[in-house]
Structure formats: C-alpha cells, structure tokens
Protein backbone atom coordinates (compact mmCIF):
# COMPACT_ATOMS: atom_id res chain seq x y z
CA MET A 1 76.56 17.87 -24.75
CA GLU A 2 72.91 16.89 -24.84
CA PRO A 3 70.37 19.61 -24.09
CA GLY A 4 69.54 19.65 -20.37
CA THR A 5 72.74 17.83 -19.27
CA GLY A 6 74.16 20.93 -17.56
CA SER A 7 70.86 21.56 -15.85
CA ARG A 8 70.74 18.02 -14.45
CA ARG A 9 74.31 18.33 -13.14
CA ARG A 10 73.46 21.61 -11.40
CA ARG A 11 70.43 20.01 -9.77
CA ILE A 12 72.49 17.04 -8.55
CA LEU A 13 75.24 19.32 -7.23
CA ALA A 14 72.71 21.58 -5.48
CA ARG A 15 71.01 18.64 -3.78
CA ALA A 16 74.36 17.14 -2.72
CA ALA A 17 75.55 20.48 -1.27
CA LEU A 18 72.31 21.01 0.65
CA LEU A 19 72.25 17.44 1.97
CA LEU A 20 75.90 17.48 3.06
CA GLY A 21 75.45 20.91 4.63
CA LEU A 22 72.50 19.68 6.69
CA LEU A 23 74.42 16.56 7.75
CA LEU A 24 77.37 18.66 8.94
CA LEU A 25 75.01 20.97 10.80
CA VAL A 26 73.60 17.96 12.64
CA ALA A 27 77.08 16.53 13.24
CA ALA A 28 78.25 19.59 15.18
CA PRO A 29 75.99 19.10 18.26
CA ILE A 30 76.52 15.32 18.09
CA LEU A 31 80.28 15.84 18.40
CA ARG A 32 79.94 18.35 21.22
CA PHE A 33 77.21 16.82 23.34
CA TRP A 34 77.53 13.08 22.66
CA VAL A 35 81.06 12.29 21.51
CA THR A 36 82.77 14.71 23.91
CA PRO A 37 81.43 13.07 27.13
CA LEU A 38 82.57 9.68 25.81
CA LEU A 39 86.11 10.97 25.28
CA ALA A 40 86.37 13.24 28.34
CA GLN A 41 87.11 10.50 30.84
CA SER A 42 90.25 9.76 32.79
CA PRO A 43 91.99 6.47 31.93
CA ARG A 44 90.91 3.33 33.78
CA LEU A 45 94.57 2.85 34.65
CA PRO A 46 96.80 5.90 35.21
CA GLY A 47 99.96 6.26 33.19
CA GLY A 48 101.19 4.06 30.41
CA GLY A 49 102.11 1.17 32.69
CA GLY A 50 99.17 1.42 35.07
CA PHE A 51 100.86 3.78 37.51
CA VAL A 52 102.07 7.37 37.71
CA THR A 53 104.40 9.17 40.12
CA ALA A 54 104.32 12.86 41.06
CA THR A 55 107.49 14.19 42.66
CA SER A 56 107.98 17.28 44.81
CA THR A 57 111.07 18.58 46.57
CA GLY A 58 111.46 21.07 49.36
CA THR A 59 112.87 21.86 52.75
CA LEU A 60 112.17 20.56 56.23
CA THR A 61 112.79 23.24 58.83
CA ALA A 62 111.62 21.39 61.96
CA LEU A 63 111.15 17.77 62.88
CA PHE A 64 110.48 16.47 66.37
CA ASP A 65 110.98 12.75 66.93
CA LEU A 66 108.50 11.54 69.55
CA GLU A 67 110.15 8.13 69.55
CA ASP A 68 113.46 9.60 70.62
CA PRO A 69 113.88 8.64 74.31
CA ALA A 70 115.71 11.87 74.96
CA GLY A 71 112.80 13.86 73.56
CA THR A 72 115.07 16.26 71.70
CA PRO A 73 114.59 17.67 68.21
CA ALA A 74 115.95 15.27 65.58
CA VAL A 75 116.46 18.09 63.10
CA VAL A 76 117.31 21.65 64.04
CA THR A 77 118.58 22.98 60.70
CA PRO A 78 116.82 23.01 57.33
CA ILE A 79 117.41 19.89 55.26
CA PRO A 80 116.23 18.87 51.78
CA ILE A 81 113.29 16.49 51.47
CA THR A 82 111.58 14.66 48.62
CA ARG A 83 107.94 13.74 48.36
CA THR A 84 106.63 11.10 45.96
CA VAL A 85 103.00 10.24 45.36
CA THR A 86 102.80 6.98 43.45
CA THR A 87 99.37 5.99 42.14
CA ARG A 88 98.53 2.58 40.71
CA GLY A 89 95.30 1.51 39.07
CA ASP A 90 93.37 -1.55 40.23
CA ALA A 91 92.05 -3.01 36.97
CA ALA A 92 90.04 -5.79 38.59
CA ALA A 93 88.26 -3.44 41.00
CA THR A 94 87.56 -0.96 38.21
CA GLN A 95 86.02 -3.67 36.03
CA ALA A 96 83.93 -4.94 38.95
CA ALA A 97 82.62 -1.42 39.58
CA GLU A 98 81.78 -0.97 35.90
CA ALA A 99 79.86 -4.27 35.95
CA GLN A 100 77.72 -2.76 38.72
CA GLY A 101 77.09 0.40 36.71
CA SER A 102 79.71 2.71 38.25
CA ASN A 103 81.97 4.56 35.82
CA VAL A 104 84.90 4.89 38.23
CA ALA A 105 88.64 4.37 38.26
CA VAL A 106 89.91 2.63 41.40
CA THR A 107 93.45 3.61 42.42
CA ASP A 108 95.87 2.94 45.27
CA SER A 109 98.30 5.70 46.21
CA VAL A 110 101.32 5.96 48.49
CA ASP A 111 102.37 9.44 49.63
CA ARG A 112 105.90 9.42 51.15
CA VAL A 113 108.13 12.22 52.37
CA VAL A 114 111.76 11.34 53.08
CA THR A 115 114.90 13.27 53.86
CA ASP A 116 117.93 13.13 51.60
CA ASP A 117 119.60 10.68 53.96
CA GLY A 118 116.62 8.32 53.77
CA ARG A 119 114.76 9.11 57.00
CA LEU A 120 111.00 8.76 56.66
CA VAL A 121 109.19 11.97 57.60
CA ALA A 122 105.62 10.99 56.74
CA GLU A 123 103.74 8.30 54.83
CA THR A 124 100.07 7.97 53.89
CA GLN A 125 98.43 5.22 51.90
CA PHE A 126 94.98 5.72 50.42
CA ARG A 127 92.59 3.99 48.04
CA LEU A 128 90.12 6.03 45.97
CA ALA A 129 87.24 5.34 43.61
CA ALA A 130 86.70 8.44 41.47
CA ASP A 131 84.18 9.10 38.71
CA ARG A 132 86.17 9.18 35.48
CA HIS A 133 84.56 12.44 34.29
CA THR A 134 83.67 14.50 37.37
CA GLN A 135 86.33 13.02 39.69
CA ALA A 136 83.68 12.79 42.43
CA LEU A 137 84.61 10.13 45.00
CA LEU A 138 82.41 7.14 45.79
CA ASP A 139 82.19 4.98 48.89
CA CYS A 140 82.86 1.68 47.18
CA CYS A 141 85.55 -0.72 46.15
CA GLY A 142 87.27 -0.80 49.56
CA VAL A 143 88.24 2.89 49.73
CA GLN A 144 90.37 3.69 52.77
CA VAL A 145 93.13 5.88 54.16
CA SER A 146 96.02 4.15 55.93
CA GLY A 147 93.89 1.07 56.51
CA THR A 148 90.89 2.93 57.93
CA THR A 149 87.58 3.10 56.07
CA VAL A 150 86.73 6.76 55.58
CA PRO A 151 83.52 8.19 54.03
CA MET A 152 84.44 10.07 50.88
CA ALA A 153 81.19 10.44 48.94
CA GLY A 154 80.55 14.06 48.04
CA ALA A 155 84.25 14.97 48.00
CA GLY A 156 86.43 15.38 44.92
CA SER A 157 89.58 13.44 44.11
CA PRO A 158 92.88 14.94 45.34
CA LEU A 159 94.67 13.41 42.35
CA ARG A 160 92.84 15.17 39.55
CA LEU A 161 90.09 17.77 39.09
CA PRO A 162 87.06 17.42 36.78
CA TRP A 163 87.23 17.57 33.01
CA PHE A 164 86.51 21.12 31.79
CA THR A 165 87.44 22.31 35.26
CA PRO A 166 85.10 25.09 36.39
CA GLN A 167 86.56 28.17 38.06
CA ALA A 168 84.60 27.41 41.20
CA THR A 169 85.35 26.10 44.66
CA TYR A 170 86.27 22.42 44.50
CA PRO A 171 85.65 19.96 47.40
CA TYR A 172 89.22 18.64 47.60
CA PHE A 173 89.55 15.46 49.68
CA ASP A 174 92.54 15.88 51.99
CA PRO A 175 93.96 12.44 52.93
CA THR A 176 95.49 13.90 56.09
CA LEU A 177 92.41 15.74 57.32
CA LEU A 178 90.19 12.83 56.11
CA THR A 179 87.54 15.21 54.83
CA ALA A 180 86.75 17.53 51.95
CA VAL A 181 88.18 21.04 52.14
CA ASP A 182 87.58 24.07 49.94
CA LEU A 183 89.98 24.47 47.04
CA ALA A 184 89.20 27.97 45.77
CA PRO A 185 90.07 29.47 42.35
CA ILE A 186 92.57 32.32 42.57
CA GLY A 187 93.32 33.09 38.90
CA THR A 188 95.14 31.78 35.85
CA ASP A 189 98.78 31.15 35.00
CA ARG A 190 101.10 29.27 32.66
CA VAL A 191 103.02 26.07 33.35
CA GLY A 192 105.57 25.58 30.62
CA ASP A 193 103.64 26.23 27.42
CA ALA A 194 100.27 25.21 28.89
CA ASP A 195 97.50 27.39 30.27
CA ALA A 196 96.52 26.62 33.86
CA LEU A 197 93.90 27.52 36.43
CA LYS A 198 95.20 28.26 39.92
CA PHE A 199 93.46 26.93 43.02
CA GLN A 200 94.39 27.32 46.66
CA GLN A 201 93.52 25.57 49.90
CA ALA A 202 94.30 27.40 53.13
CA THR A 203 93.41 25.22 56.10
CA ALA A 204 93.79 26.55 59.63
CA PRO A 205 95.26 24.17 62.24
CA THR A 206 92.81 21.27 62.40
CA ALA A 207 92.76 18.41 64.89
CA VAL A 208 93.67 15.09 63.24
CA GLY A 209 94.14 12.89 66.31
CA THR A 210 95.77 12.68 69.70
CA VAL A 211 99.26 11.69 70.81
CA GLN A 212 100.68 10.69 74.20
CA VAL A 213 103.96 12.44 74.99
CA PRO A 214 106.23 12.66 78.04
CA GLY A 215 104.81 15.12 80.53
CA ARG A 216 108.07 17.01 80.84
CA LEU A 217 107.60 18.31 77.27
CA VAL A 218 104.77 20.49 78.52
CA GLY A 219 106.02 21.08 82.05
CA SER A 220 103.77 18.44 83.61
CA GLU A 221 104.77 16.15 86.47
CA ARG A 222 102.72 13.32 85.00
CA PRO A 223 104.70 10.64 83.13
CA PHE A 224 102.59 11.08 80.00
CA VAL A 225 100.05 13.61 78.79
CA THR A 226 97.67 13.50 75.84
CA LEU A 227 98.01 16.26 73.29
CA THR A 228 96.04 17.01 70.17
CA ARG A 229 97.83 16.75 66.86
CA ALA A 230 96.96 19.73 64.63
CA HIS A 231 97.60 19.90 60.90
CA ALA A 232 97.75 23.16 58.92
CA VAL A 233 98.39 23.39 55.19
CA THR A 234 98.43 25.97 52.44
CA ARG A 235 98.22 24.19 49.11
CA THR A 236 98.33 25.79 45.64
CA LEU A 237 97.55 23.76 42.53
CA TRP A 238 97.96 24.65 38.86
CA VAL A 239 95.37 22.71 36.86
CA GLU A 240 95.07 22.16 33.10
CA PRO A 241 91.51 23.39 32.41
CA THR A 242 90.40 20.80 29.84
CA THR A 243 91.60 17.59 31.49
CA GLY A 244 91.72 18.63 35.15
CA ILE A 245 95.27 17.25 35.40
CA ILE A 246 97.38 18.87 38.13
CA LEU A 247 100.41 20.38 36.39
CA ARG A 248 102.13 21.92 39.41
CA SER A 249 101.71 21.93 43.17
CA ALA A 250 103.18 23.92 46.04
CA GLU A 251 102.53 23.27 49.74
CA ARG A 252 103.40 24.67 53.14
CA ILE A 253 102.66 22.17 55.91
CA ARG A 254 102.89 22.54 59.68
CA ASP A 255 102.11 19.79 62.20
CA THR A 256 101.97 20.66 65.88
CA LEU A 257 100.81 19.26 69.20
CA ARG A 258 98.34 21.37 71.17
CA ASP A 259 97.33 21.36 74.79
CA ASP A 260 93.78 21.59 76.11
CA ALA A 261 93.90 25.38 75.83
CA GLY A 262 94.62 25.17 72.09
CA ARG A 263 98.22 26.35 72.40
CA ASP A 264 100.94 24.82 70.25
CA VAL A 265 103.41 23.22 72.66
CA VAL A 266 105.40 21.02 70.27
CA THR A 267 106.15 21.55 66.58
CA LEU A 268 106.28 18.12 64.99
CA ALA A 269 107.18 19.18 61.44
CA THR A 270 107.32 22.25 59.25
CA MET A 271 108.01 21.83 55.56
CA THR A 272 107.62 23.43 52.16
CA LEU A 273 107.28 21.43 48.95
CA ALA A 274 106.96 22.18 45.24
CA SER A 275 106.71 19.89 42.23
CA THR A 276 109.89 19.30 40.25
CA PRO A 277 110.39 20.63 36.68
CA ALA A 278 110.54 17.05 35.37
CA ALA A 279 107.21 16.21 37.03
CA GLU A 280 105.65 19.37 35.60
CA ALA A 281 106.89 18.60 32.08
CA ALA A 282 105.49 15.06 32.29
CA ALA A 283 102.12 16.37 33.52
CA VAL A 284 101.96 18.93 30.69
CA ALA A 285 102.69 16.22 28.10
CA THR A 286 100.02 13.93 29.56
CA ALA A 287 97.45 16.73 29.65
CA ARG A 288 98.17 17.70 26.05
CA ALA A 289 97.80 14.10 24.84
CA GLN A 290 94.51 13.57 26.67
CA ALA A 291 93.07 16.98 25.78
CA GLN A 292 93.67 16.91 22.02
CA PRO A 293 90.93 14.43 20.94
CA VAL A 294 88.49 15.94 23.43
CA LEU A 295 89.06 19.48 22.15
CA TRP A 296 88.54 18.30 18.58
CA ALA A 297 85.19 16.77 19.55
CA HIS A 298 84.14 19.65 21.80
CA ALA A 299 85.35 22.76 19.96
CA TYR A 300 87.43 22.41 16.80
CA GLY A 301 85.32 19.74 15.11
CA PRO A 302 81.94 21.42 15.70
CA ALA A 303 83.34 24.78 14.58
CA LEU A 304 84.63 23.28 11.33
CA CYS A 305 81.35 21.44 10.79
CA VAL A 306 79.32 24.63 11.22
CA ALA A 307 81.62 26.65 8.95
CA ALA A 308 81.58 23.98 6.22
CA SER A 309 77.82 23.57 6.63
CA VAL A 310 77.20 27.28 6.09
CA LEU A 311 79.35 27.31 2.93
CA LEU A 312 77.68 24.20 1.51
CA LEU A 313 74.18 25.47 2.26
CA LEU A 314 74.99 28.79 0.61
CA LEU A 315 76.41 26.95 -2.41
CA GLY A 316 73.30 24.79 -2.62
CA ILE A 317 70.98 27.79 -2.38
CA VAL A 318 72.93 29.64 -5.09
CA LEU A 319 72.73 26.60 -7.39
CA VAL A 320 69.01 26.22 -6.74
CA VAL A 321 68.40 29.91 -7.53
CA ARG A 322 70.42 29.62 -10.73
CA GLU A 323 68.50 26.50 -11.71
CA VAL A 324 65.16 28.23 -11.14
CA ARG A 325 66.27 31.22 -13.22
CA ALA A 326 67.57 28.95 -15.99
CA ALA A 327 64.27 27.08 -16.03
CA ARG A 328 62.37 30.34 -16.45
CA VAL A 329 64.63 31.44 -19.31
CA GLU A 330 64.24 28.07 -20.98
CA GLN A 331 60.49 28.35 -20.63
CA ASP A 332 60.43 31.82 -22.19
CA PHE A 333 63.04 31.05 -24.87
CA PRO A 334 62.99 27.32 -25.70
CA ASP A 335 66.06 25.79 -27.35
CA GLU A 336 64.02 24.11 -30.13
CA TRP A 337 64.28 25.53 -33.69
CA ALA A 338 61.32 27.67 -34.68
CA THR A 339 59.26 26.25 -37.54
CA PHE A 340 57.78 28.21 -40.48
CA ASP A 341 54.35 27.94 -38.90
CA ASP A 342 55.74 29.40 -35.63
CA LEU A 343 57.19 32.39 -37.47
CA LYS A 344 54.04 32.87 -39.47
CA GLU A 345 51.98 32.83 -36.28
CA ALA A 346 54.30 35.35 -34.70
CA PHE A 347 53.90 37.84 -37.54
CA ASP A 348 50.15 37.38 -38.07
C-alpha cells in the first residue's frame, strides 16, 4: 500500500459519514412536516370500489305509525333492526372542487334503518364535501340533507374525524338535527387489536320539525293538531387516532312528539344500535392500511433518520479526530528514511 493511502481513505470515509449524517438530519423534519401532510388525507373515493357501507344492528322498542288510520302503535314489542350507512364518492364533483382549489372529497350517503321483516323505520340521504385532512365541511358542490340545502361550513364530517384526531371536543354534524353538535372525548379503549379514542354526543330532546296528527291522540276535539317532533340521541364513537376512522359506534335514539307545553305526548320511535363485529373488523383493517405509510413519514421514519444521523455524525467526528492525530504523528515522525546528514545533525 502506498504511503498516505490509508489516510486518504479515512478522510473520504469521514466526509461521507458527516455528509450523510447531515442529510439524514435534514430529512427527518422534511418527512414529518412536509411528506406527512401529503399522505395524511382521506381517499378521494371511499372504499376500494368508490363506496363503503357501515352496518349496525339493534332493537326497536317503540314505533308509532302516523300513517296508520287507526292511530295505534305498529310495534309494541321489541324487534330487531338493521341500520346501513352507504357512502359513495362523487369523482366528478371532487375533481371540479380540486380545480377550484378545494381539497375536498364529495360523497353521497344513504342512512337506512329497517326491521327484520323489511319495514322502513327511517331514511336520510345527505351529500357532504369534507376537507380530506381536517374533515371540516364546506358549503359547496351541492351539499344537502334529504334534498334540502343546509349550511354546514364550520361543522365536522359525521363520517370520519380528522387525521391525528385531537382529544378535544369535535363539532359533529348531525344529519338529523341539521347542525353541529359537541362530540366530547371521554377516554381511550381498544377495538379488536387497535387503539381507539372514545367520543360521546349526548343531545337533549331537540325540535327537528312539526307534524300534524289526529287531535284525539292528545285529547283534543280538533280534527288535527300540530305537534313538535323532538329528537334525542346519545352517540358513542370509537375512533382510530391516526386516521380518524370510526371503528365502532353505539347509539340510543328517541323520537317523540311534543305539545306546546313541551310534554312528550307521542313516542314515535325508541331504538338502540351498535356496529356489527364484521363492520368493526373492516374498519380496523382500513385504518391500519391508511395509517401505516403516514406513521412511517410522521414518526418511524424521522426517528430512524435522527438515530442514523447521530451515529454517522459520531463516526465522522471520530474519523476526523483520528486523522488529525495521525497527521500530527506523521509531522513529528515522518515515514521517510533518515539520511546520514540527518543523523549527523541530530548528534551534533
């Protein structure tokens, strides 16, 4: 090996280690603060085929049929019910919104509750335009609930909570109440093998419209009287904290008719619902698939970059120190053979 070859290799290795260490140190914040927001966005179209269905089952303990001429309860004993919320993405509307500078996903949903024998208990159709990161709703793209244009700006999507869901009160848009209601954090839990944040909405009976009913239902001699329809719900959601995907839901709903004094005079429906195990498993799988690349960009990748950067910088510094020391030794004790004149000078 030629003299100085090892020294040159050490210098090259030291420079490479220092340069790579600095690059990794810069890469860590780029991954966390630039790449992560690009990845942490809900799909333009939900589900693999452009739609997704959430299923809940439960029990109906009261149902009053106002269209029944006899005006008698249609159901007097508890019966099983099934609720499906099917959401489809509108690709054309989403692309049009993006062309105008809005990063939203436009979806159409149908929320249906039916009895086991096929009787329709309730149905709501709604169209939402939600920011793909924060899930904040926008008043654009023809948003509506059951054919009626409803202001939604400032509320949060009822289909999904924000990415990196904060443990703070969320302005949940209730398609029945047609307004945002407080969804408050109440703790943490597990759904399957996934961590979850728990949120709860407890809404007191709230007026959602009026209904004309036969006067005899309230002891009136008039043929028809106008009563206020009141809707009360207690809703608990289990949310995957990285993606904001709702893993599990449980609801207690009570619809009544109230007189002018605010007294419940007719119970329209009372039901309890909870998401099915199959729906929960599908939601957990979806959340895991969407969370993995985001977590690598937000946490795992930056942590590895910083750890590798520290090791490389330390290696580079050690090599530089060794090179400096070697240079000093070489200066004090050169590798060249001493000549007779050198020795003579040393002993003179």
